[in-house]
Amino acid sequence: VVELTEWRKRKVPQRRKSSPNPRAKGGLTRWFEENWVDVKTGKPCGRSKGEKRGYPACRPSKRVSSKTPKTVGEMTKSEKERFKREKTGKKKITYQHRRRKTKKRS
């Protein structure tokens, strides 16, 4: 019996341990966890069909992962003003509000 179990250990490949959540967190799950808000008004992002408020300029308010874009709190006052202006204007919108990479000091 002992020889048989030893043989199985060597011959039968080890099964991979499955992660606790088979679906990786990302996509819409991450988006909802980031709690997106309108930079112009501070209300939650989006608007209903009949609502007569302007087009929302949304940013996340909470950092969930390293892939989260720059949050409302990380944007400077001038960045917020520029972002609002771009979203309300008629020109093409650029979404290049990236965080600056910090250099490690040695």
N, C-alpha and C. Protein backbone atom coordinates (compact mmCIF):
# COMPACT_ATOMS: atom_id res chain seq x y z
N VAL A 1 0.83 -1.18 0.00
CA VAL A 1 0.00 0.00 0.00
C VAL A 1 0.88 1.26 0.00
N VAL A 2 1.93 1.26 0.81
CA VAL A 2 2.83 2.41 0.89
C VAL A 2 3.51 2.64 -0.45
N GLU A 3 3.93 1.53 -1.11
CA GLU A 3 4.59 1.64 -2.40
C GLU A 3 3.66 2.26 -3.44
N LEU A 4 2.39 1.90 -3.39
CA LEU A 4 1.41 2.41 -4.34
C LEU A 4 1.21 3.92 -4.18
N THR A 5 1.11 4.39 -2.96
CA THR A 5 0.94 5.83 -2.74
C THR A 5 2.19 6.61 -3.15
N GLU A 6 3.37 6.04 -2.91
CA GLU A 6 4.61 6.68 -3.33
C GLU A 6 4.66 6.77 -4.85
N TRP A 7 4.24 5.71 -5.51
CA TRP A 7 4.23 5.68 -6.97
C TRP A 7 3.27 6.75 -7.52
N ARG A 8 2.10 6.89 -6.89
CA ARG A 8 1.12 7.90 -7.34
C ARG A 8 1.67 9.31 -7.17
N LYS A 9 2.37 9.53 -6.09
CA LYS A 9 2.94 10.85 -5.86
C LYS A 9 3.92 11.23 -6.97
N ARG A 10 4.68 10.24 -7.43
CA ARG A 10 5.67 10.52 -8.46
C ARG A 10 5.04 10.60 -9.85
N LYS A 11 4.08 9.73 -10.15
CA LYS A 11 3.54 9.62 -11.50
C LYS A 11 2.36 10.56 -11.78
N VAL A 12 1.49 10.75 -10.84
CA VAL A 12 0.31 11.57 -11.06
C VAL A 12 0.70 13.04 -10.89
N PRO A 13 0.48 13.85 -11.93
CA PRO A 13 0.87 15.27 -11.80
C PRO A 13 0.04 15.98 -10.74
N GLN A 14 0.69 16.91 -10.09
CA GLN A 14 0.02 17.67 -9.04
C GLN A 14 -1.04 18.58 -9.66
N ARG A 15 -2.20 18.62 -9.05
CA ARG A 15 -3.25 19.51 -9.54
C ARG A 15 -2.93 20.93 -9.09
N ARG A 16 -3.28 21.86 -9.94
CA ARG A 16 -3.08 23.26 -9.58
C ARG A 16 -4.12 23.66 -8.56
N LYS A 17 -3.68 24.43 -7.61
CA LYS A 17 -4.63 24.93 -6.62
C LYS A 17 -5.40 26.07 -7.27
N SER A 18 -6.71 25.99 -7.21
CA SER A 18 -7.51 27.06 -7.80
C SER A 18 -7.56 28.24 -6.84
N SER A 19 -7.63 29.42 -7.43
CA SER A 19 -7.71 30.63 -6.61
C SER A 19 -9.07 30.69 -5.93
N PRO A 20 -9.18 31.40 -4.83
CA PRO A 20 -10.46 31.47 -4.13
C PRO A 20 -11.58 32.02 -5.02
N ASN A 21 -11.25 32.97 -5.89
CA ASN A 21 -12.23 33.51 -6.81
C ASN A 21 -11.78 33.16 -8.22
N PRO A 22 -12.47 32.24 -8.91
CA PRO A 22 -12.00 31.83 -10.23
C PRO A 22 -11.98 32.98 -11.25
N ARG A 23 -12.88 33.97 -11.08
CA ARG A 23 -12.88 35.12 -11.98
C ARG A 23 -11.96 36.19 -11.41
N ALA A 24 -11.01 36.60 -12.21
CA ALA A 24 -10.07 37.62 -11.74
C ALA A 24 -10.79 38.95 -11.57
N LYS A 25 -10.40 39.70 -10.55
CA LYS A 25 -11.03 41.00 -10.34
C LYS A 25 -10.46 41.98 -11.35
N GLY A 26 -11.32 42.61 -12.04
CA GLY A 26 -10.91 43.59 -13.04
C GLY A 26 -12.14 44.00 -13.83
N GLY A 27 -11.93 44.82 -14.83
CA GLY A 27 -13.05 45.23 -15.66
C GLY A 27 -14.11 45.99 -14.89
N LEU A 28 -15.35 45.58 -15.03
CA LEU A 28 -16.46 46.28 -14.37
C LEU A 28 -16.41 46.16 -12.86
N THR A 29 -15.93 45.03 -12.36
CA THR A 29 -15.82 44.85 -10.91
C THR A 29 -14.93 45.95 -10.33
N ARG A 30 -13.77 46.13 -10.96
CA ARG A 30 -12.84 47.16 -10.50
C ARG A 30 -13.46 48.55 -10.66
N TRP A 31 -14.15 48.78 -11.78
CA TRP A 31 -14.75 50.09 -12.06
C TRP A 31 -15.74 50.47 -10.96
N PHE A 32 -16.59 49.54 -10.55
CA PHE A 32 -17.57 49.84 -9.51
C PHE A 32 -16.91 50.05 -8.15
N GLU A 33 -15.84 49.34 -7.87
CA GLU A 33 -15.13 49.51 -6.60
C GLU A 33 -14.42 50.86 -6.52
N GLU A 34 -14.07 51.43 -7.69
CA GLU A 34 -13.36 52.71 -7.71
C GLU A 34 -14.26 53.89 -7.37
N ASN A 35 -15.56 53.70 -7.41
CA ASN A 35 -16.54 54.72 -7.02
C ASN A 35 -16.35 56.01 -7.83
N TRP A 36 -16.71 55.97 -9.11
CA TRP A 36 -16.53 57.10 -10.02
C TRP A 36 -17.52 58.21 -9.70
N VAL A 37 -17.01 59.44 -9.70
CA VAL A 37 -17.84 60.61 -9.42
C VAL A 37 -17.62 61.68 -10.49
N ASP A 38 -18.60 62.56 -10.62
CA ASP A 38 -18.54 63.67 -11.56
C ASP A 38 -17.66 64.77 -10.94
N VAL A 39 -16.61 65.17 -11.65
CA VAL A 39 -15.69 66.19 -11.15
C VAL A 39 -16.40 67.54 -11.05
N LYS A 40 -17.34 67.80 -11.93
CA LYS A 40 -18.04 69.10 -11.96
C LYS A 40 -18.95 69.28 -10.75
N THR A 41 -19.71 68.23 -10.41
CA THR A 41 -20.74 68.38 -9.37
C THR A 41 -20.44 67.62 -8.09
N GLY A 42 -19.63 66.57 -8.17
CA GLY A 42 -19.37 65.73 -7.00
C GLY A 42 -20.38 64.61 -6.85
N LYS A 43 -21.38 64.56 -7.74
CA LYS A 43 -22.39 63.50 -7.69
C LYS A 43 -21.82 62.22 -8.30
N PRO A 44 -22.46 61.07 -8.04
CA PRO A 44 -22.02 59.83 -8.68
C PRO A 44 -22.04 59.96 -10.21
N CYS A 45 -21.13 59.26 -10.88
CA CYS A 45 -20.99 59.36 -12.32
C CYS A 45 -22.24 58.87 -13.05
N GLY A 46 -22.53 59.50 -14.17
CA GLY A 46 -23.67 59.11 -14.99
C GLY A 46 -24.85 60.03 -14.77
N ARG A 47 -25.86 59.84 -15.60
CA ARG A 47 -27.09 60.63 -15.47
C ARG A 47 -28.23 59.85 -16.08
N SER A 48 -29.43 60.11 -15.61
CA SER A 48 -30.59 59.42 -16.16
C SER A 48 -31.03 60.12 -17.44
N LYS A 49 -31.88 59.46 -18.21
CA LYS A 49 -32.26 59.93 -19.53
C LYS A 49 -32.92 61.31 -19.51
N GLY A 50 -33.83 61.55 -18.59
CA GLY A 50 -34.55 62.81 -18.55
C GLY A 50 -33.84 63.93 -17.81
N GLU A 51 -32.71 63.63 -17.21
CA GLU A 51 -32.00 64.62 -16.40
C GLU A 51 -31.40 65.71 -17.29
N LYS A 52 -31.55 66.96 -16.87
CA LYS A 52 -31.11 68.06 -17.72
C LYS A 52 -29.79 68.66 -17.26
N ARG A 53 -28.96 67.87 -16.61
CA ARG A 53 -27.66 68.43 -16.23
C ARG A 53 -26.67 68.12 -17.34
N GLY A 54 -25.56 68.84 -17.35
CA GLY A 54 -24.57 68.70 -18.41
C GLY A 54 -23.90 67.34 -18.42
N TYR A 55 -23.13 67.12 -19.48
CA TYR A 55 -22.42 65.85 -19.64
C TYR A 55 -21.41 65.70 -18.51
N PRO A 56 -21.42 64.57 -17.80
CA PRO A 56 -20.53 64.43 -16.64
C PRO A 56 -19.06 64.24 -17.04
N ALA A 57 -18.17 64.78 -16.23
CA ALA A 57 -16.73 64.58 -16.38
C ALA A 57 -16.32 63.71 -15.20
N CYS A 58 -16.17 62.42 -15.43
CA CYS A 58 -16.01 61.47 -14.32
C CYS A 58 -14.57 61.04 -14.09
N ARG A 59 -14.23 60.86 -12.82
CA ARG A 59 -12.95 60.32 -12.38
C ARG A 59 -13.22 59.42 -11.18
N PRO A 60 -12.35 58.44 -10.92
CA PRO A 60 -12.54 57.60 -9.74
C PRO A 60 -12.22 58.38 -8.46
N SER A 61 -12.91 58.03 -7.39
CA SER A 61 -12.62 58.71 -6.12
C SER A 61 -11.81 57.82 -5.19
N LYS A 62 -11.67 56.54 -5.54
CA LYS A 62 -10.96 55.61 -4.68
C LYS A 62 -9.97 54.80 -5.51
N ARG A 63 -8.75 54.62 -5.01
CA ARG A 63 -7.75 53.80 -5.70
C ARG A 63 -7.92 52.35 -5.28
N VAL A 64 -8.11 51.47 -6.28
CA VAL A 64 -8.32 50.06 -6.00
C VAL A 64 -7.07 49.26 -6.37
N SER A 65 -6.46 49.59 -7.51
CA SER A 65 -5.27 48.87 -7.94
C SER A 65 -4.32 49.85 -8.63
N SER A 66 -3.21 49.32 -9.10
CA SER A 66 -2.24 50.17 -9.80
C SER A 66 -2.76 50.61 -11.15
N LYS A 67 -3.79 49.94 -11.66
CA LYS A 67 -4.36 50.28 -12.96
C LYS A 67 -5.41 51.38 -12.87
N THR A 68 -5.76 51.77 -11.66
CA THR A 68 -6.75 52.83 -11.47
C THR A 68 -6.19 54.14 -12.01
N PRO A 69 -6.96 54.87 -12.84
CA PRO A 69 -6.47 56.17 -13.31
C PRO A 69 -6.37 57.18 -12.17
N LYS A 70 -5.85 58.33 -12.47
CA LYS A 70 -5.68 59.38 -11.46
C LYS A 70 -7.02 59.70 -10.82
N THR A 71 -7.06 59.70 -9.50
CA THR A 71 -8.31 59.94 -8.78
C THR A 71 -8.59 61.44 -8.65
N VAL A 72 -9.81 61.76 -8.24
CA VAL A 72 -10.21 63.16 -8.05
C VAL A 72 -9.29 63.84 -7.05
N GLY A 73 -8.96 63.16 -5.98
CA GLY A 73 -8.09 63.74 -4.95
C GLY A 73 -6.66 63.97 -5.41
N GLU A 74 -6.20 63.20 -6.39
CA GLU A 74 -4.83 63.33 -6.89
C GLU A 74 -4.70 64.43 -7.94
N MET A 75 -5.83 64.87 -8.50
CA MET A 75 -5.80 65.92 -9.52
C MET A 75 -5.67 67.29 -8.85
N THR A 76 -4.85 68.14 -9.45
CA THR A 76 -4.73 69.50 -8.93
C THR A 76 -5.94 70.32 -9.35
N LYS A 77 -6.09 71.49 -8.77
CA LYS A 77 -7.23 72.34 -9.09
C LYS A 77 -7.22 72.71 -10.58
N SER A 78 -6.03 73.02 -11.11
CA SER A 78 -5.93 73.41 -12.52
C SER A 78 -6.25 72.23 -13.44
N GLU A 79 -5.84 71.01 -13.05
CA GLU A 79 -6.16 69.83 -13.85
C GLU A 79 -7.67 69.60 -13.90
N LYS A 80 -8.33 69.79 -12.75
CA LYS A 80 -9.78 69.63 -12.70
C LYS A 80 -10.47 70.65 -13.59
N GLU A 81 -10.01 71.90 -13.53
CA GLU A 81 -10.60 72.96 -14.37
C GLU A 81 -10.43 72.63 -15.85
N ARG A 82 -9.23 72.20 -16.22
CA ARG A 82 -8.96 71.85 -17.62
C ARG A 82 -9.83 70.67 -18.06
N PHE A 83 -9.96 69.69 -17.18
CA PHE A 83 -10.77 68.50 -17.47
C PHE A 83 -12.24 68.89 -17.69
N LYS A 84 -12.77 69.75 -16.83
CA LYS A 84 -14.15 70.22 -16.97
C LYS A 84 -14.33 70.97 -18.29
N ARG A 85 -13.36 71.85 -18.60
CA ARG A 85 -13.42 72.65 -19.82
C ARG A 85 -13.41 71.75 -21.06
N GLU A 86 -12.54 70.74 -21.06
CA GLU A 86 -12.45 69.83 -22.21
C GLU A 86 -13.73 69.04 -22.40
N LYS A 87 -14.33 68.59 -21.32
CA LYS A 87 -15.55 67.80 -21.42
C LYS A 87 -16.75 68.63 -21.87
N THR A 88 -16.72 69.94 -21.61
CA THR A 88 -17.85 70.79 -21.98
C THR A 88 -17.65 71.37 -23.38
N GLY A 89 -16.40 71.47 -23.83
CA GLY A 89 -16.11 72.06 -25.14
C GLY A 89 -16.45 71.11 -26.28
N LYS A 90 -16.21 71.60 -27.51
CA LYS A 90 -16.57 70.83 -28.70
C LYS A 90 -15.38 70.09 -29.30
N LYS A 91 -14.19 70.30 -28.77
CA LYS A 91 -13.01 69.65 -29.32
C LYS A 91 -12.90 68.21 -28.85
N LYS A 92 -11.98 67.48 -29.48
CA LYS A 92 -11.72 66.09 -29.11
C LYS A 92 -11.15 66.03 -27.69
N ILE A 93 -11.59 65.05 -26.94
CA ILE A 93 -11.19 64.92 -25.54
C ILE A 93 -9.99 63.99 -25.43
N THR A 94 -8.98 64.40 -24.67
CA THR A 94 -7.86 63.51 -24.38
C THR A 94 -7.98 63.05 -22.94
N TYR A 95 -7.71 61.81 -22.71
CA TYR A 95 -7.83 61.24 -21.36
C TYR A 95 -6.46 60.95 -20.77
N GLN A 96 -5.48 61.75 -21.07
CA GLN A 96 -4.12 61.49 -20.62
C GLN A 96 -3.85 62.08 -19.24
N HIS A 97 -4.68 61.73 -18.28
CA HIS A 97 -4.48 62.20 -16.91
C HIS A 97 -3.80 61.07 -16.13
N ARG A 98 -2.55 60.83 -16.43
CA ARG A 98 -1.83 59.72 -15.81
C ARG A 98 -1.09 60.20 -14.56
N ARG A 99 -0.88 59.26 -13.65
CA ARG A 99 -0.10 59.57 -12.46
C ARG A 99 1.37 59.59 -12.84
N ARG A 100 2.12 60.42 -12.17
CA ARG A 100 3.56 60.45 -12.41
C ARG A 100 4.21 59.31 -11.66
N LYS A 101 5.14 58.64 -12.31
CA LYS A 101 5.89 57.57 -11.66
C LYS A 101 6.91 58.21 -10.72
N THR A 102 6.93 57.74 -9.50
CA THR A 102 7.89 58.28 -8.54
C THR A 102 9.19 57.51 -8.66
N LYS A 103 10.29 58.25 -8.65
CA LYS A 103 11.60 57.61 -8.73
C LYS A 103 12.04 57.19 -7.35
N LYS A 104 12.61 56.01 -7.26
CA LYS A 104 13.12 55.53 -5.98
C LYS A 104 14.46 56.20 -5.69
N ARG A 105 14.57 56.73 -4.49
CA ARG A 105 15.83 57.35 -4.09
C ARG A 105 16.76 56.30 -3.53
N SER A 106 18.02 56.43 -3.91
CA SER A 106 18.99 55.44 -3.41
C SER A 106 19.84 55.98 -2.30
